[in-house]
Amino acid sequence: MMIKINLKVMLTSCLIAMLIGRTAFTKTIYVDDDATGANDGSSWMNAYNWLQDALTDANSAEKPVEIAVAQGCYKPDQGRGKILHGQKATFQLINGVTLKGGFAGFDEPNPNTRDVNLYETILSGDLKGNDVDVNDPQDLLDESSRNDNSYCIVTSRMTLKTAVLDGFTITAGSHHGMCNKRGNPTVINCTFRGNRAERWGGGMCNNNGSPSLKRCTFSHNSAKYGGGIWNMKGSPVLTLCTFRGNSAKFGSAMYNYDNSHPQISNCTFSGNSAKYGAGIYNNKNCRPKVSNCTFTGNSADRKGGVIHNIHYSSLILTNSILWNNAPDENEIVNYVKSSSIVRYCNVQDGTGQLWFGEGCIDADPLFVGDDNLRLLPDSPCINAGDNTAVAFDIATDIDGKQCLTNNTVDMGAFEGE
């Protein structure tokens, strides 16, 4: 009897081990526009030349799948099938599929070497290769050479967090860089640069979508609402992200609309410009939570140099620095039954404002420089934050330095010495 039981246990254990082994196996598909082999995605030499071909392969494969993409420029209307719908062509993310850019690729001594900065992997909407560069992101909306670009370069429709985009530069979208429609993908180490939208979300448009973004950069994107990101009825989570030089009429870095509740931690907002709300614009029952962020050098033509709240929106802001934004006397404005809870923040000219709360200060943060938002050793922001407001899953700042270095968190996105 004991032998039978032991045999049954052994067989069950073997079956579980086989299932675990099957689940753990990840198929890798290779993409390199310089590869000269069989073009079947089986190795760097035989890599697919077009990313769309790899996505087609991954879509029918058993998951999980990883698509390794070498340095180069890839466009959504390229592929052997050629049924890609012109400007409507897009790279559609897939559940259980991780797209990884930044590999050295076929021509390099070690093709598996990965560095997203050194080996830039670009997903471009410039389908005809005729884009004219602009110096000011505001000019993107009127630049006619962008009219024939891809509407949306990357799309996440009805996806889960297992749909992953990691290590790409997304640029030259004519409607959006990326669109998440009821999609909740994971986006890591990506740069959204030089995208535009006539209305919503130049860099990224989240329509009922709640993506998770980590170490992403939104730079020189433009739109009427939300130059960097536009959210509607979503709760995206952003950590260690950078918003720089974006432009919009409302909310140049981010526009939150209609019950959007983003969580934003350890991010920087600098050099963004708008008519209203140069940093973040919240409209209609939005409740963003912002912690350990730095806002500087942003400018609004009218009120709300950093944050503009309207129509029953409520902001919770902690452990953050708002300094040298314009207009400086209106860093945060609340209209139409909106409110702000501001605690343990350094806000220029915040003293006396109704929202200037517990632990807040109004003192020069002593940045290392105008373009270096790290803190000098004698900054009043060091050890001046509230540990209870630190996001539970944030262990380091943007530089990789441990948070709570001296047992008390600092204000801003960078932990001091």
Protein backbone atom coordinates (compact mmCIF):
# COMPACT_ATOMS: atom_id res chain seq x y z
CA MET A 1 0.00 0.00 0.00
CA MET A 2 2.84 2.36 0.95
CA ILE A 3 4.59 1.59 -2.36
CA LYS A 4 1.48 2.54 -4.31
CA ILE A 5 1.13 5.80 -2.39
CA ASN A 6 4.79 6.66 -2.93
CA LEU A 7 4.50 5.84 -6.62
CA LYS A 8 1.45 8.11 -6.89
CA VAL A 9 3.32 10.92 -5.13
CA MET A 10 6.31 10.48 -7.46
CA LEU A 11 4.13 10.57 -10.57
CA THR A 12 2.31 13.67 -9.31
CA SER A 13 5.64 15.39 -8.57
CA CYS A 14 6.94 14.57 -12.04
CA LEU A 15 3.80 15.94 -13.65
CA ILE A 16 4.05 19.18 -11.64
CA ALA A 17 7.73 19.51 -12.59
CA MET A 18 6.88 19.05 -16.26
CA LEU A 19 4.16 21.70 -16.05
CA ILE A 20 6.48 24.11 -14.27
CA GLY A 21 9.15 23.49 -16.90
CA ARG A 22 6.68 24.14 -19.68
CA THR A 23 5.43 27.33 -18.05
CA ALA A 24 8.97 28.58 -17.38
CA PHE A 25 10.10 28.15 -21.00
CA THR A 26 10.11 31.38 -22.96
CA LYS A 27 10.38 31.41 -26.71
CA THR A 28 12.66 34.14 -28.06
CA ILE A 29 12.06 35.72 -31.46
CA TYR A 30 14.79 37.92 -32.93
CA VAL A 31 14.40 41.09 -34.99
CA ASP A 32 17.22 42.98 -36.70
CA ASP A 33 16.86 45.14 -39.79
CA ASP A 34 20.47 44.29 -40.75
CA ALA A 35 20.17 40.49 -40.52
CA THR A 36 20.93 38.61 -43.74
CA GLY A 37 19.95 35.02 -42.93
CA ALA A 38 16.75 33.03 -43.29
CA ASN A 39 14.55 35.84 -41.93
CA ASP A 40 12.60 33.46 -39.68
CA GLY A 41 13.36 35.00 -36.26
CA SER A 42 15.22 31.94 -34.95
CA SER A 43 18.55 33.70 -34.21
CA TRP A 44 20.31 37.02 -34.69
CA MET A 45 21.68 35.87 -38.05
CA ASN A 46 18.24 34.64 -39.13
CA ALA A 47 16.31 37.46 -37.47
CA TYR A 48 13.17 38.96 -38.93
CA ASN A 49 13.94 42.28 -40.58
CA TRP A 50 10.53 43.71 -39.66
CA LEU A 51 9.00 43.84 -36.19
CA GLN A 52 5.49 43.21 -37.55
CA ASP A 53 6.59 39.76 -38.78
CA ALA A 54 7.83 38.91 -35.28
CA LEU A 55 4.52 40.04 -33.74
CA THR A 56 2.62 37.82 -36.16
CA ASP A 57 4.82 34.89 -35.15
CA ALA A 58 4.42 35.66 -31.43
CA ASN A 59 0.65 36.01 -31.68
CA SER A 60 0.27 32.37 -32.73
CA ALA A 61 3.00 30.98 -30.45
CA GLU A 62 2.57 29.48 -27.01
CA LYS A 63 3.16 32.13 -24.35
CA PRO A 64 5.29 33.52 -22.82
CA VAL A 65 7.27 34.95 -25.72
CA GLU A 66 10.09 37.47 -25.79
CA ILE A 67 10.85 39.51 -28.91
CA ALA A 68 14.45 40.77 -28.86
CA VAL A 69 14.87 43.78 -31.16
CA ALA A 70 18.25 45.11 -32.27
CA GLN A 71 19.23 48.74 -32.67
CA GLY A 72 17.69 50.40 -35.71
CA CYS A 73 14.50 52.03 -36.90
CA TYR A 74 11.26 50.07 -37.36
CA LYS A 75 7.99 51.34 -38.83
CA PRO A 76 4.53 49.83 -38.35
CA ASP A 77 3.74 49.63 -42.08
CA GLN A 78 6.68 47.27 -42.75
CA GLY A 79 6.18 43.52 -43.00
CA ARG A 80 5.95 40.66 -45.44
CA GLY A 81 2.16 40.55 -45.25
CA LYS A 82 1.84 44.17 -46.37
CA ILE A 83 -1.81 44.26 -45.22
CA LEU A 84 -0.96 46.99 -42.77
CA HIS A 85 -3.48 49.74 -43.58
CA GLY A 86 -1.09 52.64 -44.23
CA GLN A 87 -1.37 55.33 -41.57
CA LYS A 88 -3.60 53.07 -39.47
CA ALA A 89 -0.76 50.55 -39.17
CA THR A 90 0.35 50.09 -35.57
CA PHE A 91 2.44 47.80 -33.40
CA GLN A 92 -0.22 45.99 -31.34
CA LEU A 93 1.00 44.65 -27.99
CA ILE A 94 0.03 41.09 -27.07
CA ASN A 95 -0.66 39.46 -23.70
CA GLY A 96 2.22 37.25 -22.63
CA VAL A 97 4.63 38.88 -25.09
CA THR A 98 7.55 41.06 -24.00
CA LEU A 99 9.11 43.37 -26.58
CA LYS A 100 12.68 44.27 -25.64
CA GLY A 101 14.71 46.83 -27.55
CA GLY A 102 18.28 48.03 -27.13
CA PHE A 103 20.21 44.95 -28.29
CA ALA A 104 23.49 45.27 -30.19
CA GLY A 105 22.33 42.87 -32.88
CA PHE A 106 23.68 40.87 -35.79
CA ASP A 107 26.65 43.04 -36.83
CA GLU A 108 28.15 43.41 -33.34
CA PRO A 109 30.71 41.08 -31.69
CA ASN A 110 28.21 40.15 -28.99
CA PRO A 111 24.72 40.61 -30.44
CA ASN A 112 23.07 39.92 -27.06
CA THR A 113 24.67 42.96 -25.42
CA ARG A 114 21.86 45.25 -24.31
CA ASP A 115 22.07 49.00 -23.68
CA VAL A 116 18.95 51.00 -24.52
CA ASN A 117 20.92 54.24 -24.79
CA LEU A 118 23.90 52.99 -26.78
CA TYR A 119 21.86 50.74 -29.06
CA GLU A 120 18.77 52.89 -29.57
CA THR A 121 15.82 51.00 -30.99
CA ILE A 122 13.33 53.36 -32.63
CA LEU A 123 9.68 52.77 -33.43
CA SER A 124 8.93 55.53 -35.90
CA GLY A 125 5.72 56.88 -37.40
CA ASP A 126 7.60 58.69 -40.18
CA LEU A 127 6.31 56.27 -42.82
CA LYS A 128 7.63 58.19 -45.83
CA GLY A 129 10.85 59.40 -44.24
CA ASN A 130 10.05 63.02 -45.03
CA ASP A 131 9.66 64.58 -41.56
CA VAL A 132 11.03 68.08 -41.07
CA ASP A 133 12.57 68.71 -37.65
CA VAL A 134 11.08 71.44 -35.47
CA ASN A 135 12.78 73.30 -32.63
CA ASP A 136 9.63 74.05 -30.65
CA PRO A 137 7.18 71.21 -29.91
CA GLN A 138 4.31 73.67 -30.39
CA ASP A 139 5.20 73.72 -34.08
CA LEU A 140 4.52 69.99 -34.43
CA LEU A 141 0.77 70.58 -34.73
CA ASP A 142 1.20 72.77 -37.82
CA GLU A 143 4.07 70.89 -39.46
CA SER A 144 2.62 69.48 -42.70
CA SER A 145 5.32 66.82 -43.10
CA ARG A 146 3.75 65.00 -40.13
CA ASN A 147 0.33 64.72 -41.77
CA ASP A 148 1.15 61.42 -43.51
CA ASN A 149 2.69 59.78 -40.44
CA SER A 150 1.33 56.79 -38.57
CA TYR A 151 -1.72 57.72 -36.51
CA CYS A 152 -0.60 55.71 -33.48
CA ILE A 153 2.74 53.88 -33.46
CA VAL A 154 2.08 51.46 -30.59
CA THR A 155 -1.36 50.25 -29.51
CA SER A 156 -2.44 48.35 -26.42
CA ARG A 157 -6.07 47.29 -26.76
CA MET A 158 -7.63 45.11 -24.06
CA THR A 159 -4.21 43.96 -22.83
CA LEU A 160 -2.98 42.98 -19.37
CA LYS A 161 0.27 43.76 -17.55
CA THR A 162 1.85 40.75 -19.29
CA ALA A 163 1.95 42.82 -22.49
CA VAL A 164 5.34 44.49 -22.03
CA LEU A 165 7.17 47.21 -23.97
CA ASP A 166 10.75 47.65 -22.75
CA GLY A 167 13.58 49.78 -24.11
CA PHE A 168 12.26 51.66 -27.15
CA THR A 169 12.10 55.21 -28.47
CA ILE A 170 8.63 55.98 -29.84
CA THR A 171 8.63 59.00 -32.13
CA ALA A 172 6.79 60.84 -34.89
CA GLY A 173 3.23 59.73 -34.24
CA SER A 174 0.71 62.03 -35.92
CA HIS A 175 -2.16 61.34 -33.47
CA HIS A 176 -0.34 59.68 -30.53
CA GLY A 177 2.92 57.93 -29.83
CA MET A 178 1.08 55.16 -27.99
CA CYS A 179 -2.62 54.52 -27.40
CA ASN A 180 -3.96 52.33 -24.59
CA LYS A 181 -7.65 51.63 -25.08
CA ARG A 182 -8.84 49.53 -22.16
CA GLY A 183 -5.27 48.31 -22.03
CA ASN A 184 -3.07 47.93 -18.95
CA PRO A 185 0.38 47.13 -20.35
CA THR A 186 3.75 47.42 -18.65
CA VAL A 187 6.05 50.05 -20.19
CA ILE A 188 9.69 50.21 -19.05
CA ASN A 189 12.70 52.31 -20.13
CA CYS A 190 10.89 53.87 -23.07
CA THR A 191 11.25 57.38 -24.51
CA PHE A 192 8.28 59.14 -26.13
CA ARG A 193 9.75 61.96 -28.19
CA GLY A 194 8.41 64.32 -30.84
CA ASN A 195 4.87 62.92 -31.06
CA ARG A 196 1.78 65.05 -31.55
CA ALA A 197 -2.00 64.94 -31.21
CA GLU A 198 -4.45 67.53 -32.44
CA ARG A 199 -6.52 66.86 -29.35
CA TRP A 200 -5.57 64.26 -26.70
CA GLY A 201 -2.23 62.81 -25.64
CA GLY A 202 0.73 63.54 -27.85
CA GLY A 203 3.11 61.05 -26.26
CA MET A 204 0.52 58.64 -24.83
CA CYS A 205 -3.27 58.47 -24.84
CA ASN A 206 -4.92 56.33 -22.14
CA ASN A 207 -8.61 55.79 -22.81
CA ASN A 208 -9.96 53.61 -19.98
CA GLY A 209 -6.42 52.28 -19.73
CA SER A 210 -4.15 52.01 -16.70
CA PRO A 211 -0.62 51.21 -17.84
CA SER A 212 2.32 50.84 -15.46
CA LEU A 213 5.23 53.06 -16.52
CA LYS A 214 8.71 52.89 -15.04
CA ARG A 215 11.81 54.90 -16.03
CA CYS A 216 10.09 56.38 -19.07
CA THR A 217 10.79 59.79 -20.61
CA PHE A 218 8.27 62.08 -22.31
CA SER A 219 10.12 64.75 -24.24
CA HIS A 220 9.02 67.45 -26.72
CA ASN A 221 5.58 66.02 -27.42
CA SER A 222 2.63 68.28 -28.21
CA ALA A 223 -1.18 68.21 -28.04
CA LYS A 224 -4.12 70.41 -27.17
CA TYR A 225 -4.81 68.33 -24.04
CA GLY A 226 -1.89 66.53 -22.42
CA GLY A 227 1.27 66.96 -24.46
CA GLY A 228 3.01 64.09 -22.67
CA ILE A 229 0.09 61.94 -21.44
CA TRP A 230 -3.71 62.17 -21.52
CA ASN A 231 -5.75 59.98 -19.18
CA MET A 232 -9.49 59.33 -19.19
CA LYS A 233 -11.12 56.97 -16.66
CA GLY A 234 -7.84 55.30 -15.85
CA SER A 235 -5.37 54.93 -13.00
CA PRO A 236 -1.91 54.61 -14.51
CA VAL A 237 1.06 54.13 -12.20
CA LEU A 238 4.19 56.14 -13.01
CA THR A 239 7.50 55.74 -11.20
CA LEU A 240 10.92 57.23 -11.91
CA CYS A 241 9.68 58.99 -15.08
CA THR A 242 10.79 62.25 -16.71
CA PHE A 243 8.62 64.90 -18.39
CA ARG A 244 10.69 67.50 -20.22
CA GLY A 245 9.91 70.15 -22.82
CA ASN A 246 6.34 69.07 -23.64
CA SER A 247 3.72 71.53 -24.87
CA ALA A 248 -0.08 71.80 -24.72
CA LYS A 249 -2.88 74.26 -24.23
CA PHE A 250 -4.03 72.34 -21.13
CA GLY A 251 -1.62 70.20 -19.11
CA SER A 252 1.61 70.08 -21.07
CA ALA A 253 3.04 67.10 -19.18
CA MET A 254 -0.21 65.37 -18.19
CA TYR A 255 -3.97 65.92 -18.50
CA ASN A 256 -6.29 63.84 -16.32
CA TYR A 257 -9.98 63.76 -17.22
CA ASP A 258 -13.20 62.15 -15.97
CA ASN A 259 -12.33 59.99 -12.97
CA SER A 260 -8.67 59.44 -13.69
CA HIS A 261 -6.60 58.68 -10.60
CA PRO A 262 -2.92 58.27 -11.50
CA GLN A 263 -0.24 57.48 -8.94
CA ILE A 264 2.95 59.39 -9.69
CA SER A 265 6.14 58.75 -7.70
CA ASN A 266 9.75 59.93 -7.98
CA CYS A 267 9.23 61.75 -11.29
CA THR A 268 10.62 65.04 -12.63
CA PHE A 269 8.70 67.70 -14.55
CA SER A 270 10.82 70.44 -16.14
CA GLY A 271 10.64 72.89 -19.02
CA ASN A 272 7.03 72.07 -19.93
CA SER A 273 4.79 74.88 -21.20
CA ALA A 274 1.02 75.35 -21.43
CA LYS A 275 -1.66 77.99 -21.28
CA TYR A 276 -3.17 76.29 -18.20
CA GLY A 277 -1.41 73.80 -15.93
CA ALA A 278 2.13 73.42 -17.23
CA GLY A 279 2.71 70.30 -15.15
CA ILE A 280 -0.57 68.49 -14.49
CA TYR A 281 -4.16 69.49 -15.33
CA ASN A 282 -6.96 67.67 -13.50
CA ASN A 283 -10.54 67.99 -14.73
CA LYS A 284 -13.76 66.31 -13.53
CA ASN A 285 -13.46 64.14 -10.44
CA CYS A 286 -9.78 63.28 -10.80
CA ARG A 287 -7.78 62.29 -7.70
CA PRO A 288 -4.08 61.98 -8.52
CA LYS A 289 -1.57 61.03 -5.82
CA VAL A 290 1.84 62.60 -6.36
CA SER A 291 4.82 61.86 -4.13
CA ASN A 292 8.55 62.62 -4.23
CA CYS A 293 8.38 64.55 -7.49
CA THR A 294 10.27 67.65 -8.61
CA PHE A 295 8.59 70.39 -10.65
CA THR A 296 10.82 73.20 -11.91
CA GLY A 297 11.14 75.46 -14.94
CA ASN A 298 7.56 74.85 -16.09
CA SER A 299 5.48 77.76 -17.33
CA ALA A 300 1.78 78.50 -17.82
CA ASP A 301 0.53 81.58 -19.65
CA ARG A 302 -2.17 81.92 -17.04
CA LYS A 303 -2.82 80.35 -13.66
CA GLY A 304 -1.47 77.00 -12.56
CA GLY A 305 2.28 77.13 -13.15
CA VAL A 306 2.46 73.52 -12.03
CA ILE A 307 -0.95 72.04 -11.17
CA HIS A 308 -4.46 73.14 -12.23
CA ASN A 309 -7.50 71.48 -10.62
CA ILE A 310 -11.07 72.02 -11.79
CA HIS A 311 -14.53 70.45 -11.49
CA TYR A 312 -14.43 68.42 -8.25
CA SER A 313 -10.86 67.24 -8.66
CA SER A 314 -8.70 66.63 -5.59
CA LEU A 315 -4.91 66.38 -5.51
CA ILE A 316 -2.78 64.71 -2.84
CA LEU A 317 0.80 65.99 -3.05
CA THR A 318 3.55 64.90 -0.66
CA ASN A 319 7.36 64.99 -0.39
CA SER A 320 7.65 67.10 -3.55
CA ILE A 321 9.42 70.27 -4.69
CA LEU A 322 7.68 73.02 -6.71
CA TRP A 323 10.23 75.72 -7.46
CA ASN A 324 11.03 78.26 -10.16
CA ASN A 325 7.86 77.69 -12.15
CA ALA A 326 5.78 80.47 -13.71
CA PRO A 327 3.64 82.09 -12.57
CA ASP A 328 5.28 81.40 -9.20
CA GLU A 329 2.46 82.95 -7.16
CA ASN A 330 0.05 80.33 -8.54
CA GLU A 331 1.95 77.05 -8.46
CA ILE A 332 -1.29 75.22 -7.56
CA VAL A 333 -4.81 76.48 -8.34
CA ASN A 334 -8.19 74.96 -7.43
CA TYR A 335 -11.43 75.88 -9.20
CA VAL A 336 -15.06 74.73 -9.11
CA LYS A 337 -15.14 72.77 -5.85
CA SER A 338 -11.66 71.31 -6.32
CA SER A 339 -9.08 70.95 -3.57
CA SER A 340 -5.47 70.08 -2.83
CA ILE A 341 -3.88 68.36 0.15
CA VAL A 342 -0.21 69.37 0.23
CA ARG A 343 2.04 67.93 2.93
CA TYR A 344 5.80 67.88 3.45
CA CYS A 345 6.48 69.80 0.24
CA ASN A 346 8.73 72.72 -0.64
CA VAL A 347 6.57 75.17 -2.60
CA GLN A 348 7.80 78.55 -3.75
CA ASP A 349 5.53 81.33 -2.41
CA GLY A 350 3.31 78.67 -0.88
CA THR A 351 3.28 80.25 2.56
CA GLY A 352 -0.18 81.55 3.35
CA GLN A 353 -1.97 79.46 0.73
CA LEU A 354 -4.94 77.45 2.03
CA TRP A 355 -3.42 74.20 0.80
CA PHE A 356 0.03 74.83 2.42
CA GLY A 357 -0.14 72.03 4.96
CA GLU A 358 1.75 70.03 7.53
CA GLY A 359 5.53 69.85 7.07
CA CYS A 360 5.56 72.27 4.12
CA ILE A 361 8.40 74.77 3.66
CA ASP A 362 9.08 77.72 1.35
CA ALA A 363 12.84 77.86 0.88
CA ASP A 364 15.37 77.61 -1.95
CA PRO A 365 15.80 73.85 -2.48
CA LEU A 366 19.44 74.37 -3.53
CA PHE A 367 19.55 72.29 -6.67
CA VAL A 368 23.01 71.39 -7.95
CA GLY A 369 22.23 73.42 -11.11
CA ASP A 370 19.47 74.65 -13.40
CA ASP A 371 19.64 71.40 -15.37
CA ASN A 372 20.65 69.22 -12.44
CA LEU A 373 17.81 68.72 -9.98
CA ARG A 374 19.85 66.81 -7.43
CA LEU A 375 20.17 68.42 -4.01
CA LEU A 376 23.24 70.10 -2.56
CA PRO A 377 24.36 68.78 0.85
CA ASP A 378 22.90 71.77 2.71
CA SER A 379 19.50 71.68 0.96
CA PRO A 380 16.54 72.25 3.33
CA CYS A 381 14.75 69.41 1.48
CA ILE A 382 17.08 66.72 2.85
CA ASN A 383 15.48 64.59 5.59
CA ALA A 384 12.39 66.83 5.40
CA GLY A 385 9.83 64.39 3.97
CA ASP A 386 7.26 62.00 5.38
CA ASN A 387 8.25 58.32 5.29
CA THR A 388 4.62 57.18 5.38
CA ALA A 389 4.04 58.80 1.98
CA VAL A 390 6.79 56.84 0.20
CA ALA A 391 5.39 54.38 -2.32
CA PHE A 392 5.82 50.89 -0.83
CA ASP A 393 7.46 49.47 -3.96
CA ILE A 394 9.96 52.33 -4.49
CA ALA A 395 13.38 51.38 -3.11
CA THR A 396 15.57 53.81 -5.05
CA ASP A 397 15.45 57.25 -6.67
CA ILE A 398 16.05 57.97 -10.37
CA ASP A 399 19.81 57.61 -9.88
CA GLY A 400 19.39 54.23 -8.23
CA LYS A 401 20.28 55.64 -4.81
CA GLN A 402 18.56 54.07 -1.83
CA CYS A 403 15.58 56.03 -0.52
CA LEU A 404 15.56 56.75 3.20
CA THR A 405 19.36 57.07 3.11
CA ASN A 406 19.36 58.72 6.56
CA ASN A 407 16.18 57.03 7.81
CA THR A 408 14.04 59.99 6.66
CA VAL A 409 13.04 60.51 3.05
CA ASP A 410 14.01 63.72 1.26
CA MET A 411 11.68 66.00 -0.68
CA GLY A 412 11.85 65.71 -4.46
CA ALA A 413 12.75 63.02 -6.97
CA PHE A 414 16.41 62.72 -5.96
CA GLU A 415 17.66 61.48 -2.61
CA GLY A 416 20.44 63.71 -1.22
CA GLU A 417 23.67 62.64 0.40
